[in-house]
Amino acid sequence: MNVKDIASLINAKVVSGQNGLDKEVTGAYTSDLLSNVMANIEENQIWITLQTHKNIIAIASLKDIAAIILVQDLLPSEECAEQSNIEGIPILSTSLNAYQISGKLFEILKNNA
């Protein structure tokens, strides 16, 4: 399953990084603590967070993650969105909170494994 499929299934808005929508997704990780994400997220996972600054793209690039989902209708900073487009790392936005979207993604990925 790729990022585009997941965005459609969770009814998320693709905010930036459209060039990366074909990336395959193997799982998800939820955290707002950057050091925690760096230590624990795995390649090709989706990162669920409320962080909206440019540093999330640096971590996403370093860890080769598939996409970032911003919760509660948050949008990335302008700098962050620009870097997302440059690196082809999709940023999605959902109205759901972290708990809700984590559960929804768990079910989607479990049923498509």
PDB file of N, CA and C in Angstrom:
ATOM      1  N   MET A   1       0.847  -1.159   0.000  1.00  0.00           N
ATOM      2  CA  MET A   1       0.000   0.000   0.000  1.00  0.00           C
ATOM      3  C   MET A   1       0.903   1.234   0.000  1.00  0.00           C
ATOM      4  N   ASN A   2       0.536   2.227  -0.811  1.00  0.00           N
ATOM      5  CA  ASN A   2       1.374   3.417  -0.877  1.00  0.00           C
ATOM      6  C   ASN A   2       0.725   4.606  -0.152  1.00  0.00           C
ATOM      7  N   VAL A   3       1.466   5.704  -0.076  1.00  0.00           N
ATOM      8  CA  VAL A   3       1.002   6.894   0.642  1.00  0.00           C
ATOM      9  C   VAL A   3      -0.291   7.430   0.032  1.00  0.00           C
ATOM     10  N   LYS A   4      -0.385   7.428  -1.283  1.00  0.00           N
ATOM     11  CA  LYS A   4      -1.592   7.932  -1.954  1.00  0.00           C
ATOM     12  C   LYS A   4      -2.820   7.119  -1.556  1.00  0.00           C
ATOM     13  N   ASP A   5      -2.689   5.793  -1.501  1.00  0.00           N
ATOM     14  CA  ASP A   5      -3.797   4.922  -1.085  1.00  0.00           C
ATOM     15  C   ASP A   5      -4.232   5.251   0.343  1.00  0.00           C
ATOM     16  N   ILE A   6      -3.256   5.404   1.223  1.00  0.00           N
ATOM     17  CA  ILE A   6      -3.564   5.685   2.618  1.00  0.00           C
ATOM     18  C   ILE A   6      -4.229   7.050   2.758  1.00  0.00           C
ATOM     19  N   ALA A   7      -3.713   8.052   2.057  1.00  0.00           N
ATOM     20  CA  ALA A   7      -4.314   9.393   2.118  1.00  0.00           C
ATOM     21  C   ALA A   7      -5.787   9.334   1.734  1.00  0.00           C
ATOM     22  N   SER A   8      -6.089   8.546   0.731  1.00  0.00           N
ATOM     23  CA  SER A   8      -7.471   8.407   0.283  1.00  0.00           C
ATOM     24  C   SER A   8      -8.321   7.688   1.330  1.00  0.00           C
ATOM     25  N   LEU A   9      -7.793   6.611   1.899  1.00  0.00           N
ATOM     26  CA  LEU A   9      -8.536   5.821   2.875  1.00  0.00           C
ATOM     27  C   LEU A   9      -8.822   6.574   4.176  1.00  0.00           C
ATOM     28  N   ILE A  10      -7.921   7.463   4.560  1.00  0.00           N
ATOM     29  CA  ILE A  10      -8.125   8.201   5.806  1.00  0.00           C
ATOM     30  C   ILE A  10      -8.700   9.588   5.549  1.00  0.00           C
ATOM     31  N   ASN A  11      -8.958   9.893   4.282  1.00  0.00           N
ATOM     32  CA  ASN A  11      -9.537  11.185   3.899  1.00  0.00           C
ATOM     33  C   ASN A  11      -8.658  12.348   4.357  1.00  0.00           C
ATOM     34  N   ALA A  12      -7.350  12.219   4.139  1.00  0.00           N
ATOM     35  CA  ALA A  12      -6.392  13.252   4.529  1.00  0.00           C
ATOM     36  C   ALA A  12      -6.094  14.167   3.351  1.00  0.00           C
ATOM     37  N   LYS A  13      -5.793  15.395   3.664  1.00  0.00           N
ATOM     38  CA  LYS A  13      -5.413  16.380   2.653  1.00  0.00           C
ATOM     39  C   LYS A  13      -3.913  16.254   2.410  1.00  0.00           C
ATOM     40  N   VAL A  14      -3.509  16.156   1.144  1.00  0.00           N
ATOM     41  CA  VAL A  14      -2.090  16.161   0.799  1.00  0.00           C
ATOM     42  C   VAL A  14      -1.664  17.620   0.728  1.00  0.00           C
ATOM     43  N   VAL A  15      -0.808  18.032   1.645  1.00  0.00           N
ATOM     44  CA  VAL A  15      -0.412  19.427   1.766  1.00  0.00           C
ATOM     45  C   VAL A  15       0.813  19.745   0.913  1.00  0.00           C
ATOM     46  N   SER A  16       1.766  18.830   0.874  1.00  0.00           N
ATOM     47  CA  SER A  16       3.003  19.050   0.124  1.00  0.00           C
ATOM     48  C   SER A  16       3.678  17.707  -0.131  1.00  0.00           C
ATOM     49  N   GLY A  17       4.741  17.747  -0.923  1.00  0.00           N
ATOM     50  CA  GLY A  17       5.515  16.538  -1.191  1.00  0.00           C
ATOM     51  C   GLY A  17       4.817  15.544  -2.085  1.00  0.00           C
ATOM     52  N   GLN A  18       3.993  16.028  -3.002  1.00  0.00           N
ATOM     53  CA  GLN A  18       3.209  15.152  -3.875  1.00  0.00           C
ATOM     54  C   GLN A  18       4.061  14.173  -4.682  1.00  0.00           C
ATOM     55  N   ASN A  19       5.313  14.507  -4.929  1.00  0.00           N
ATOM     56  CA  ASN A  19       6.188  13.604  -5.698  1.00  0.00           C
ATOM     57  C   ASN A  19       6.483  12.297  -4.978  1.00  0.00           C
ATOM     58  N   GLY A  20       6.185  12.222  -3.686  1.00  0.00           N
ATOM     59  CA  GLY A  20       6.461  11.007  -2.921  1.00  0.00           C
ATOM     60  C   GLY A  20       5.248  10.152  -2.632  1.00  0.00           C
ATOM     61  N   LEU A  21       4.132  10.445  -3.275  1.00  0.00           N
ATOM     62  CA  LEU A  21       2.891   9.722  -2.961  1.00  0.00           C
ATOM     63  C   LEU A  21       2.905   8.246  -3.345  1.00  0.00           C
ATOM     64  N   ASP A  22       3.844   7.840  -4.178  1.00  0.00           N
ATOM     65  CA  ASP A  22       3.917   6.430  -4.579  1.00  0.00           C
ATOM     66  C   ASP A  22       4.790   5.591  -3.651  1.00  0.00           C
ATOM     67  N   LYS A  23       5.348   6.199  -2.618  1.00  0.00           N
ATOM     68  CA  LYS A  23       6.183   5.451  -1.679  1.00  0.00           C
ATOM     69  C   LYS A  23       5.356   4.399  -0.951  1.00  0.00           C
ATOM     70  N   GLU A  24       5.933   3.220  -0.800  1.00  0.00           N
ATOM     71  CA  GLU A  24       5.274   2.133  -0.080  1.00  0.00           C
ATOM     72  C   GLU A  24       5.329   2.381   1.423  1.00  0.00           C
ATOM     73  N   VAL A  25       4.290   1.981   2.112  1.00  0.00           N
ATOM     74  CA  VAL A  25       4.174   2.170   3.555  1.00  0.00           C
ATOM     75  C   VAL A  25       4.153   0.805   4.233  1.00  0.00           C
ATOM     76  N   THR A  26       5.009   0.645   5.246  1.00  0.00           N
ATOM     77  CA  THR A  26       5.079  -0.628   5.963  1.00  0.00           C
ATOM     78  C   THR A  26       4.547  -0.547   7.394  1.00  0.00           C
ATOM     79  N   GLY A  27       4.315   0.666   7.876  1.00  0.00           N
ATOM     80  CA  GLY A  27       3.833   0.824   9.244  1.00  0.00           C
ATOM     81  C   GLY A  27       3.700   2.288   9.586  1.00  0.00           C
ATOM     82  N   ALA A  28       3.497   2.571  10.867  1.00  0.00           N
ATOM     83  CA  ALA A  28       3.346   3.952  11.320  1.00  0.00           C
ATOM     84  C   ALA A  28       3.949   4.088  12.708  1.00  0.00           C
ATOM     85  N   TYR A  29       4.305   5.313  13.047  1.00  0.00           N
ATOM     86  CA  TYR A  29       4.860   5.614  14.364  1.00  0.00           C
ATOM     87  C   TYR A  29       4.304   6.958  14.815  1.00  0.00           C
ATOM     88  N   THR A  30       3.861   7.029  16.057  1.00  0.00           N
ATOM     89  CA  THR A  30       3.263   8.246  16.597  1.00  0.00           C
ATOM     90  C   THR A  30       4.121   8.789  17.721  1.00  0.00           C
ATOM     91  N   SER A  31       4.604  10.020  17.549  1.00  0.00           N
ATOM     92  CA  SER A  31       5.363  10.690  18.596  1.00  0.00           C
ATOM     93  C   SER A  31       5.566  12.146  18.209  1.00  0.00           C
ATOM     94  N   ASP A  32       5.671  12.997  19.216  1.00  0.00           N
ATOM     95  CA  ASP A  32       5.970  14.409  18.992  1.00  0.00           C
ATOM     96  C   ASP A  32       7.374  14.773  19.456  1.00  0.00           C
ATOM     97  N   LEU A  33       8.059  13.824  20.039  1.00  0.00           N
ATOM     98  CA  LEU A  33       9.412  14.054  20.528  1.00  0.00           C
ATOM     99  C   LEU A  33      10.419  13.644  19.444  1.00  0.00           C
ATOM    100  N   LEU A  34      11.128  14.606  18.894  1.00  0.00           N
ATOM    101  CA  LEU A  34      11.981  14.348  17.741  1.00  0.00           C
ATOM    102  C   LEU A  34      13.047  13.289  18.014  1.00  0.00           C
ATOM    103  N   SER A  35      13.664  13.326  19.166  1.00  0.00           N
ATOM    104  CA  SER A  35      14.695  12.336  19.479  1.00  0.00           C
ATOM    105  C   SER A  35      14.102  10.934  19.575  1.00  0.00           C
ATOM    106  N   ASN A  36      12.877  10.838  20.053  1.00  0.00           N
ATOM    107  CA  ASN A  36      12.191   9.550  20.131  1.00  0.00           C
ATOM    108  C   ASN A  36      11.928   8.996  18.734  1.00  0.00           C
ATOM    109  N   VAL A  37      11.501   9.848  17.846  1.00  0.00           N
ATOM    110  CA  VAL A  37      11.248   9.424  16.462  1.00  0.00           C
ATOM    111  C   VAL A  37      12.551   8.972  15.811  1.00  0.00           C
ATOM    112  N   MET A  38      13.609   9.751  15.991  1.00  0.00           N
ATOM    113  CA  MET A  38      14.899   9.377  15.392  1.00  0.00           C
ATOM    114  C   MET A  38      15.363   8.011  15.888  1.00  0.00           C
ATOM    115  N   ALA A  39      15.088   7.700  17.130  1.00  0.00           N
ATOM    116  CA  ALA A  39      15.549   6.436  17.707  1.00  0.00           C
ATOM    117  C   ALA A  39      14.657   5.255  17.338  1.00  0.00           C
ATOM    118  N   ASN A  40      13.394   5.499  17.003  1.00  0.00           N
ATOM    119  CA  ASN A  40      12.459   4.382  16.904  1.00  0.00           C
ATOM    120  C   ASN A  40      11.709   4.192  15.586  1.00  0.00           C
ATOM    121  N   ILE A  41      11.533   5.222  14.795  1.00  0.00           N
ATOM    122  CA  ILE A  41      10.789   5.051  13.552  1.00  0.00           C
ATOM    123  C   ILE A  41      11.621   4.222  12.576  1.00  0.00           C
ATOM    124  N   GLU A  42      10.939   3.458  11.766  1.00  0.00           N
ATOM    125  CA  GLU A  42      11.632   2.611  10.792  1.00  0.00           C
ATOM    126  C   GLU A  42      11.391   3.118   9.378  1.00  0.00           C
ATOM    127  N   GLU A  43      12.297   2.767   8.497  1.00  0.00           N
ATOM    128  CA  GLU A  43      12.196   3.131   7.087  1.00  0.00           C
ATOM    129  C   GLU A  43      10.820   2.730   6.534  1.00  0.00           C
ATOM    130  N   ASN A  44      10.269   3.578   5.683  1.00  0.00           N
ATOM    131  CA  ASN A  44       8.986   3.359   4.999  1.00  0.00           C
ATOM    132  C   ASN A  44       7.763   3.429   5.908  1.00  0.00           C
ATOM    133  N   GLN A  45       7.937   3.919   7.124  1.00  0.00           N
ATOM    134  CA  GLN A  45       6.785   4.120   7.995  1.00  0.00           C
ATOM    135  C   GLN A  45       6.250   5.535   7.824  1.00  0.00           C
ATOM    136  N   ILE A  46       5.021   5.747   8.295  1.00  0.00           N
ATOM    137  CA  ILE A  46       4.408   7.072   8.339  1.00  0.00           C
ATOM    138  C   ILE A  46       4.561   7.603   9.762  1.00  0.00           C
ATOM    139  N   TRP A  47       4.947   8.855   9.857  1.00  0.00           N
ATOM    140  CA  TRP A  47       5.119   9.508  11.151  1.00  0.00           C
ATOM    141  C   TRP A  47       3.886  10.360  11.435  1.00  0.00           C
ATOM    142  N   ILE A  48       3.243  10.127  12.572  1.00  0.00           N
ATOM    143  CA  ILE A  48       2.074  10.884  13.010  1.00  0.00           C
ATOM    144  C   ILE A  48       2.535  11.850  14.096  1.00  0.00           C
ATOM    145  N   THR A  49       2.274  13.155  13.897  1.00  0.00           N
ATOM    146  CA  THR A  49       2.773  14.159  14.828  1.00  0.00           C
ATOM    147  C   THR A  49       1.955  15.441  14.769  1.00  0.00           C
ATOM    148  N   LEU A  50       2.204  16.321  15.740  1.00  0.00           N
ATOM    149  CA  LEU A  50       1.643  17.663  15.684  1.00  0.00           C
ATOM    150  C   LEU A  50       2.731  18.700  15.421  1.00  0.00           C
ATOM    151  N   GLN A  51       3.956  18.243  15.260  1.00  0.00           N
ATOM    152  CA  GLN A  51       5.067  19.149  14.944  1.00  0.00           C
ATOM    153  C   GLN A  51       4.922  19.659  13.510  1.00  0.00           C
ATOM    154  N   THR A  52       5.163  20.948  13.294  1.00  0.00           N
ATOM    155  CA  THR A  52       4.940  21.534  11.967  1.00  0.00           C
ATOM    156  C   THR A  52       6.150  22.287  11.424  1.00  0.00           C
ATOM    157  N   HIS A  53       7.278  22.198  12.082  1.00  0.00           N
ATOM    158  CA  HIS A  53       8.467  22.960  11.679  1.00  0.00           C
ATOM    159  C   HIS A  53       9.367  22.149  10.744  1.00  0.00           C
ATOM    160  N   LYS A  54      10.326  22.838  10.168  1.00  0.00           N
ATOM    161  CA  LYS A  54      11.205  22.255   9.146  1.00  0.00           C
ATOM    162  C   LYS A  54      12.010  21.042   9.639  1.00  0.00           C
ATOM    163  N   ASN A  55      12.288  20.948  10.920  1.00  0.00           N
ATOM    164  CA  ASN A  55      13.097  19.838  11.442  1.00  0.00           C
ATOM    165  C   ASN A  55      12.431  18.476  11.215  1.00  0.00           C
ATOM    166  N   ILE A  56      11.110  18.434  11.061  1.00  0.00           N
ATOM    167  CA  ILE A  56      10.467  17.136  10.830  1.00  0.00           C
ATOM    168  C   ILE A  56      10.874  16.562   9.476  1.00  0.00           C
ATOM    169  N   ILE A  57      11.145  17.428   8.508  1.00  0.00           N
ATOM    170  CA  ILE A  57      11.587  16.945   7.195  1.00  0.00           C
ATOM    171  C   ILE A  57      13.014  16.422   7.282  1.00  0.00           C
ATOM    172  N   ALA A  58      13.851  17.071   8.073  1.00  0.00           N
ATOM    173  CA  ALA A  58      15.226  16.588   8.245  1.00  0.00           C
ATOM    174  C   ALA A  58      15.230  15.177   8.828  1.00  0.00           C
ATOM    175  N   ILE A  59      14.390  14.941   9.821  1.00  0.00           N
ATOM    176  CA  ILE A  59      14.315  13.610  10.432  1.00  0.00           C
ATOM    177  C   ILE A  59      13.703  12.612   9.452  1.00  0.00           C
ATOM    178  N   ALA A  60      12.665  13.022   8.760  1.00  0.00           N
ATOM    179  CA  ALA A  60      12.018  12.139   7.781  1.00  0.00           C
ATOM    180  C   ALA A  60      13.001  11.715   6.698  1.00  0.00           C
ATOM    181  N   SER A  61      13.823  12.645   6.254  1.00  0.00           N
ATOM    182  CA  SER A  61      14.821  12.342   5.234  1.00  0.00           C
ATOM    183  C   SER A  61      15.907  11.415   5.781  1.00  0.00           C
ATOM    184  N   LEU A  62      16.379  11.725   6.969  1.00  0.00           N
ATOM    185  CA  LEU A  62      17.415  10.913   7.616  1.00  0.00           C
ATOM    186  C   LEU A  62      16.965   9.470   7.804  1.00  0.00           C
ATOM    187  N   LYS A  63      15.716   9.283   8.209  1.00  0.00           N
ATOM    188  CA  LYS A  63      15.199   7.944   8.509  1.00  0.00           C
ATOM    189  C   LYS A  63      14.481   7.303   7.315  1.00  0.00           C
ATOM    190  N   ASP A  64      14.419   8.005   6.193  1.00  0.00           N
ATOM    191  CA  ASP A  64      13.791   7.508   4.963  1.00  0.00           C
ATOM    192  C   ASP A  64      12.355   7.028   5.205  1.00  0.00           C
ATOM    193  N   ILE A  65      11.562   7.894   5.829  1.00  0.00           N
ATOM    194  CA  ILE A  65      10.173   7.530   6.084  1.00  0.00           C
ATOM    195  C   ILE A  65       9.302   7.855   4.883  1.00  0.00           C
ATOM    196  N   ALA A  66       8.139   7.246   4.833  1.00  0.00           N
ATOM    197  CA  ALA A  66       7.257   7.367   3.672  1.00  0.00           C
ATOM    198  C   ALA A  66       6.497   8.686   3.644  1.00  0.00           C
ATOM    199  N   ALA A  67       6.040   9.173   4.795  1.00  0.00           N
ATOM    200  CA  ALA A  67       5.237  10.393   4.844  1.00  0.00           C
ATOM    201  C   ALA A  67       5.073  10.844   6.287  1.00  0.00           C
ATOM    202  N   ILE A  68       4.554  12.061   6.431  1.00  0.00           N
ATOM    203  CA  ILE A  68       4.236  12.619   7.739  1.00  0.00           C
ATOM    204  C   ILE A  68       2.755  12.969   7.736  1.00  0.00           C
ATOM    205  N   ILE A  69       2.068  12.605   8.807  1.00  0.00           N
ATOM    206  CA  ILE A  69       0.670  13.013   8.971  1.00  0.00           C
ATOM    207  C   ILE A  69       0.596  13.990  10.129  1.00  0.00           C
ATOM    208  N   LEU A  70       0.092  15.188   9.838  1.00  0.00           N
ATOM    209  CA  LEU A  70      -0.153  16.190  10.870  1.00  0.00           C
ATOM    210  C   LEU A  70      -1.590  16.040  11.351  1.00  0.00           C
ATOM    211  N   VAL A  71      -1.770  16.062  12.649  1.00  0.00           N
ATOM    212  CA  VAL A  71      -3.081  15.835  13.255  1.00  0.00           C
ATOM    213  C   VAL A  71      -3.826  17.158  13.481  1.00  0.00           C
ATOM    214  N   GLN A  72      -5.106  17.059  13.803  1.00  0.00           N
ATOM    215  CA  GLN A  72      -5.960  18.174  14.225  1.00  0.00           C
ATOM    216  C   GLN A  72      -5.946  19.346  13.246  1.00  0.00           C
ATOM    217  N   ASP A  73      -5.948  19.016  11.952  1.00  0.00           N
ATOM    218  CA  ASP A  73      -5.968  20.027  10.875  1.00  0.00           C
ATOM    219  C   ASP A  73      -4.768  20.964  10.880  1.00  0.00           C
ATOM    220  N   LEU A  74      -3.683  20.557  11.500  1.00  0.00           N
ATOM    221  CA  LEU A  74      -2.479  21.386  11.489  1.00  0.00           C
ATOM    222  C   LEU A  74      -1.868  21.398  10.088  1.00  0.00           C
ATOM    223  N   LEU A  75      -1.184  22.473   9.778  1.00  0.00           N
ATOM    224  CA  LEU A  75      -0.496  22.621   8.506  1.00  0.00           C
ATOM    225  C   LEU A  75       0.974  22.914   8.782  1.00  0.00           C
ATOM    226  N   PRO A  76       1.858  22.486   7.882  1.00  0.00           N
ATOM    227  CA  PRO A  76       3.285  22.738   8.095  1.00  0.00           C
ATOM    228  C   PRO A  76       3.609  24.215   7.907  1.00  0.00           C
ATOM    229  N   SER A  77       4.711  24.644   8.511  1.00  0.00           N
ATOM    230  CA  SER A  77       5.206  25.989   8.244  1.00  0.00           C
ATOM    231  C   SER A  77       5.550  26.082   6.762  1.00  0.00           C
ATOM    232  N   GLU A  78       5.639  27.289   6.261  1.00  0.00           N
ATOM    233  CA  GLU A  78       5.971  27.488   4.847  1.00  0.00           C
ATOM    234  C   GLU A  78       7.317  26.856   4.508  1.00  0.00           C
ATOM    235  N   GLU A  79       8.299  27.059   5.382  1.00  0.00           N
ATOM    236  CA  GLU A  79       9.633  26.465   5.203  1.00  0.00           C
ATOM    237  C   GLU A  79       9.557  24.943   5.141  1.00  0.00           C
ATOM    238  N   CYS A  80       8.761  24.383   6.015  1.00  0.00           N
ATOM    239  CA  CYS A  80       8.604  22.934   6.094  1.00  0.00           C
ATOM    240  C   CYS A  80       7.976  22.391   4.818  1.00  0.00           C
ATOM    241  N   ALA A  81       6.929  23.038   4.351  1.00  0.00           N
ATOM    242  CA  ALA A  81       6.254  22.600   3.121  1.00  0.00           C
ATOM    243  C   ALA A  81       7.196  22.700   1.924  1.00  0.00           C
ATOM    244  N   GLU A  82       7.971  23.756   1.853  1.00  0.00           N
ATOM    245  CA  GLU A  82       8.935  23.910   0.754  1.00  0.00           C
ATOM    246  C   GLU A  82       9.950  22.779   0.759  1.00  0.00           C
ATOM    247  N   GLN A  83      10.494  22.461   1.932  1.00  0.00           N
ATOM    248  CA  GLN A  83      11.475  21.383   2.036  1.00  0.00           C
ATOM    249  C   GLN A  83      10.843  20.034   1.719  1.00  0.00           C
ATOM    250  N   SER A  84       9.599  19.849   2.109  1.00  0.00           N
ATOM    251  CA  SER A  84       8.857  18.633   1.794  1.00  0.00           C
ATOM    252  C   SER A  84       8.762  18.449   0.281  1.00  0.00           C
ATOM    253  N   ASN A  85       8.482  19.525  -0.423  1.00  0.00           N
ATOM    254  CA  ASN A  85       8.400  19.464  -1.887  1.00  0.00           C
ATOM    255  C   ASN A  85       9.764  19.163  -2.509  1.00  0.00           C
ATOM    256  N   ILE A  86      10.804  19.770  -1.990  1.00  0.00           N
ATOM    257  CA  ILE A  86      12.159  19.543  -2.514  1.00  0.00           C
ATOM    258  C   ILE A  86      12.560  18.079  -2.337  1.00  0.00           C
ATOM    259  N   GLU A  87      12.270  17.516  -1.165  1.00  0.00           N
ATOM    260  CA  GLU A  87      12.712  16.156  -0.856  1.00  0.00           C
ATOM    261  C   GLU A  87      11.716  15.074  -1.257  1.00  0.00           C
ATOM    262  N   GLY A  88      10.524  15.480  -1.672  1.00  0.00           N
ATOM    263  CA  GLY A  88       9.523  14.486  -2.071  1.00  0.00           C
ATOM    264  C   GLY A  88       9.008  13.658  -0.912  1.00  0.00           C
ATOM    265  N   ILE A  89       8.892  14.289   0.248  1.00  0.00           N
ATOM    266  CA  ILE A  89       8.355  13.617   1.433  1.00  0.00           C
ATOM    267  C   ILE A  89       6.963  14.185   1.660  1.00  0.00           C
ATOM    268  N   PRO A  90       5.916  13.393   1.416  1.00  0.00           N
ATOM    269  CA  PRO A  90       4.557  13.908   1.561  1.00  0.00           C
ATOM    270  C   PRO A  90       4.212  14.295   2.990  1.00  0.00           C
ATOM    271  N   ILE A  91       3.529  15.428   3.119  1.00  0.00           N
ATOM    272  CA  ILE A  91       2.927  15.825   4.380  1.00  0.00           C
ATOM    273  C   ILE A  91       1.420  15.816   4.163  1.00  0.00           C
ATOM    274  N   LEU A  92       0.739  15.049   5.008  1.00  0.00           N
ATOM    275  CA  LEU A  92      -0.717  14.953   4.964  1.00  0.00           C
ATOM    276  C   LEU A  92      -1.269  15.642   6.210  1.00  0.00           C
ATOM    277  N   SER A  93      -2.503  16.108   6.119  1.00  0.00           N
ATOM    278  CA  SER A  93      -3.158  16.707   7.278  1.00  0.00           C
ATOM    279  C   SER A  93      -4.521  16.051   7.464  1.00  0.00           C
ATOM    280  N   THR A  94      -4.835  15.745   8.714  1.00  0.00           N
ATOM    281  CA  THR A  94      -6.117  15.128   9.050  1.00  0.00           C
ATOM    282  C   THR A  94      -6.767  15.902  10.196  1.00  0.00           C
ATOM    283  N   SER A  95      -8.078  15.858  10.248  1.00  0.00           N
ATOM    284  CA  SER A  95      -8.796  16.509  11.348  1.00  0.00           C
ATOM    285  C   SER A  95      -8.775  15.649  12.619  1.00  0.00           C
ATOM    286  N   LEU A  96      -8.398  14.387  12.483  1.00  0.00           N
ATOM    287  CA  LEU A  96      -8.371  13.471  13.629  1.00  0.00           C
ATOM    288  C   LEU A  96      -7.224  13.807  14.571  1.00  0.00           C
ATOM    289  N   ASN A  97      -7.344  13.379  15.832  1.00  0.00           N
ATOM    290  CA  ASN A  97      -6.223  13.540  16.754  1.00  0.00           C
ATOM    291  C   ASN A  97      -5.280  12.343  16.615  1.00  0.00           C
ATOM    292  N   ALA A  98      -4.153  12.385  17.306  1.00  0.00           N
ATOM    293  CA  ALA A  98      -3.130  11.340  17.160  1.00  0.00           C
ATOM    294  C   ALA A  98      -3.657   9.957  17.527  1.00  0.00           C
ATOM    295  N   TYR A  99      -4.440   9.868  18.577  1.00  0.00           N
ATOM    296  CA  TYR A  99      -5.010   8.588  19.000  1.00  0.00           C
ATOM    297  C   TYR A  99      -5.924   8.015  17.906  1.00  0.00           C
ATOM    298  N   GLN A 100      -6.797   8.844  17.378  1.00  0.00           N
ATOM    299  CA  GLN A 100      -7.756   8.385  16.367  1.00  0.00           C
ATOM    300  C   GLN A 100      -7.060   7.932  15.083  1.00  0.00           C
ATOM    301  N   ILE A 101      -6.131   8.735  14.588  1.00  0.00           N
ATOM    302  CA  ILE A 101      -5.485   8.383  13.320  1.00  0.00           C
ATOM    303  C   ILE A 101      -4.544   7.192  13.506  1.00  0.00           C
ATOM    304  N   SER A 102      -3.944   7.060  14.672  1.00  0.00           N
ATOM    305  CA  SER A 102      -3.087   5.894  14.932  1.00  0.00           C
ATOM    306  C   SER A 102      -3.905   4.611  14.869  1.00  0.00           C
ATOM    307  N   GLY A 103      -5.070   4.613  15.508  1.00  0.00           N
ATOM    308  CA  GLY A 103      -5.934   3.436  15.475  1.00  0.00           C
ATOM    309  C   GLY A 103      -6.421   3.121  14.071  1.00  0.00           C
ATOM    310  N   LYS A 104      -6.796   4.148  13.349  1.00  0.00           N
ATOM    311  CA  LYS A 104      -7.284   3.968  11.978  1.00  0.00           C
ATOM    312  C   LYS A 104      -6.184   3.387  11.083  1.00  0.00           C
ATOM    313  N   LEU A 105      -4.983   3.924  11.199  1.00  0.00           N
ATOM    314  CA  LEU A 105      -3.865   3.408  10.396  1.00  0.00           C
ATOM    315  C   LEU A 105      -3.496   1.988  10.799  1.00  0.00           C
ATOM    316  N   PHE A 106      -3.568   1.695  12.082  1.00  0.00           N
ATOM    317  CA  PHE A 106      -3.290   0.334  12.541  1.00  0.00           C
ATOM    318  C   PHE A 106      -4.222  -0.654  11.844  1.00  0.00           C
ATOM    319  N   GLU A 107      -5.503  -0.347  11.831  1.00  0.00           N
ATOM    320  CA  GLU A 107      -6.489  -1.248  11.183  1.00  0.00           C
ATOM    321  C   GLU A 107      -6.245  -1.366   9.686  1.00  0.00           C
ATOM    322  N   ILE A 108      -5.965  -0.259   9.023  1.00  0.00           N
ATOM    323  CA  ILE A 108      -5.749  -0.278   7.574  1.00  0.00           C
ATOM    324  C   ILE A 108      -4.513  -1.129   7.243  1.00  0.00           C
ATOM    325  N   LEU A 109      -3.434  -0.884   7.948  1.00  0.00           N
ATOM    326  CA  LEU A 109      -2.189  -1.611   7.647  1.00  0.00           C
ATOM    327  C   LEU A 109      -2.262  -3.075   8.066  1.00  0.00           C
ATOM    328  N   LYS A 110      -2.952  -3.361   9.162  1.00  0.00           N
ATOM    329  CA  LYS A 110      -3.112  -4.761   9.606  1.00  0.00           C
ATOM    330  C   LYS A 110      -3.913  -5.547   8.576  1.00  0.00           C
ATOM    331  N   ASN A 111      -4.963  -4.947   8.048  1.00  0.00           N
ATOM    332  CA  ASN A 111      -5.816  -5.640   7.087  1.00  0.00           C
ATOM    333  C   ASN A 111      -5.219  -5.749   5.698  1.00  0.00           C
ATOM    334  N   ASN A 112      -4.155  -5.012   5.432  1.00  0.00           N
ATOM    335  CA  ASN A 112      -3.516  -5.048   4.114  1.00  0.00           C
ATOM    336  C   ASN A 112      -2.118  -5.648   4.154  1.00  0.00           C
ATOM    337  N   ALA A 113      -1.806  -6.311   5.263  1.00  0.00           N
ATOM    338  CA  ALA A 113      -0.466  -6.911   5.405  1.00  0.00           C
ATOM    339  C   ALA A 113      -0.374  -8.210   4.632  1.00  0.00           C
TER     340      ALA A 113
END
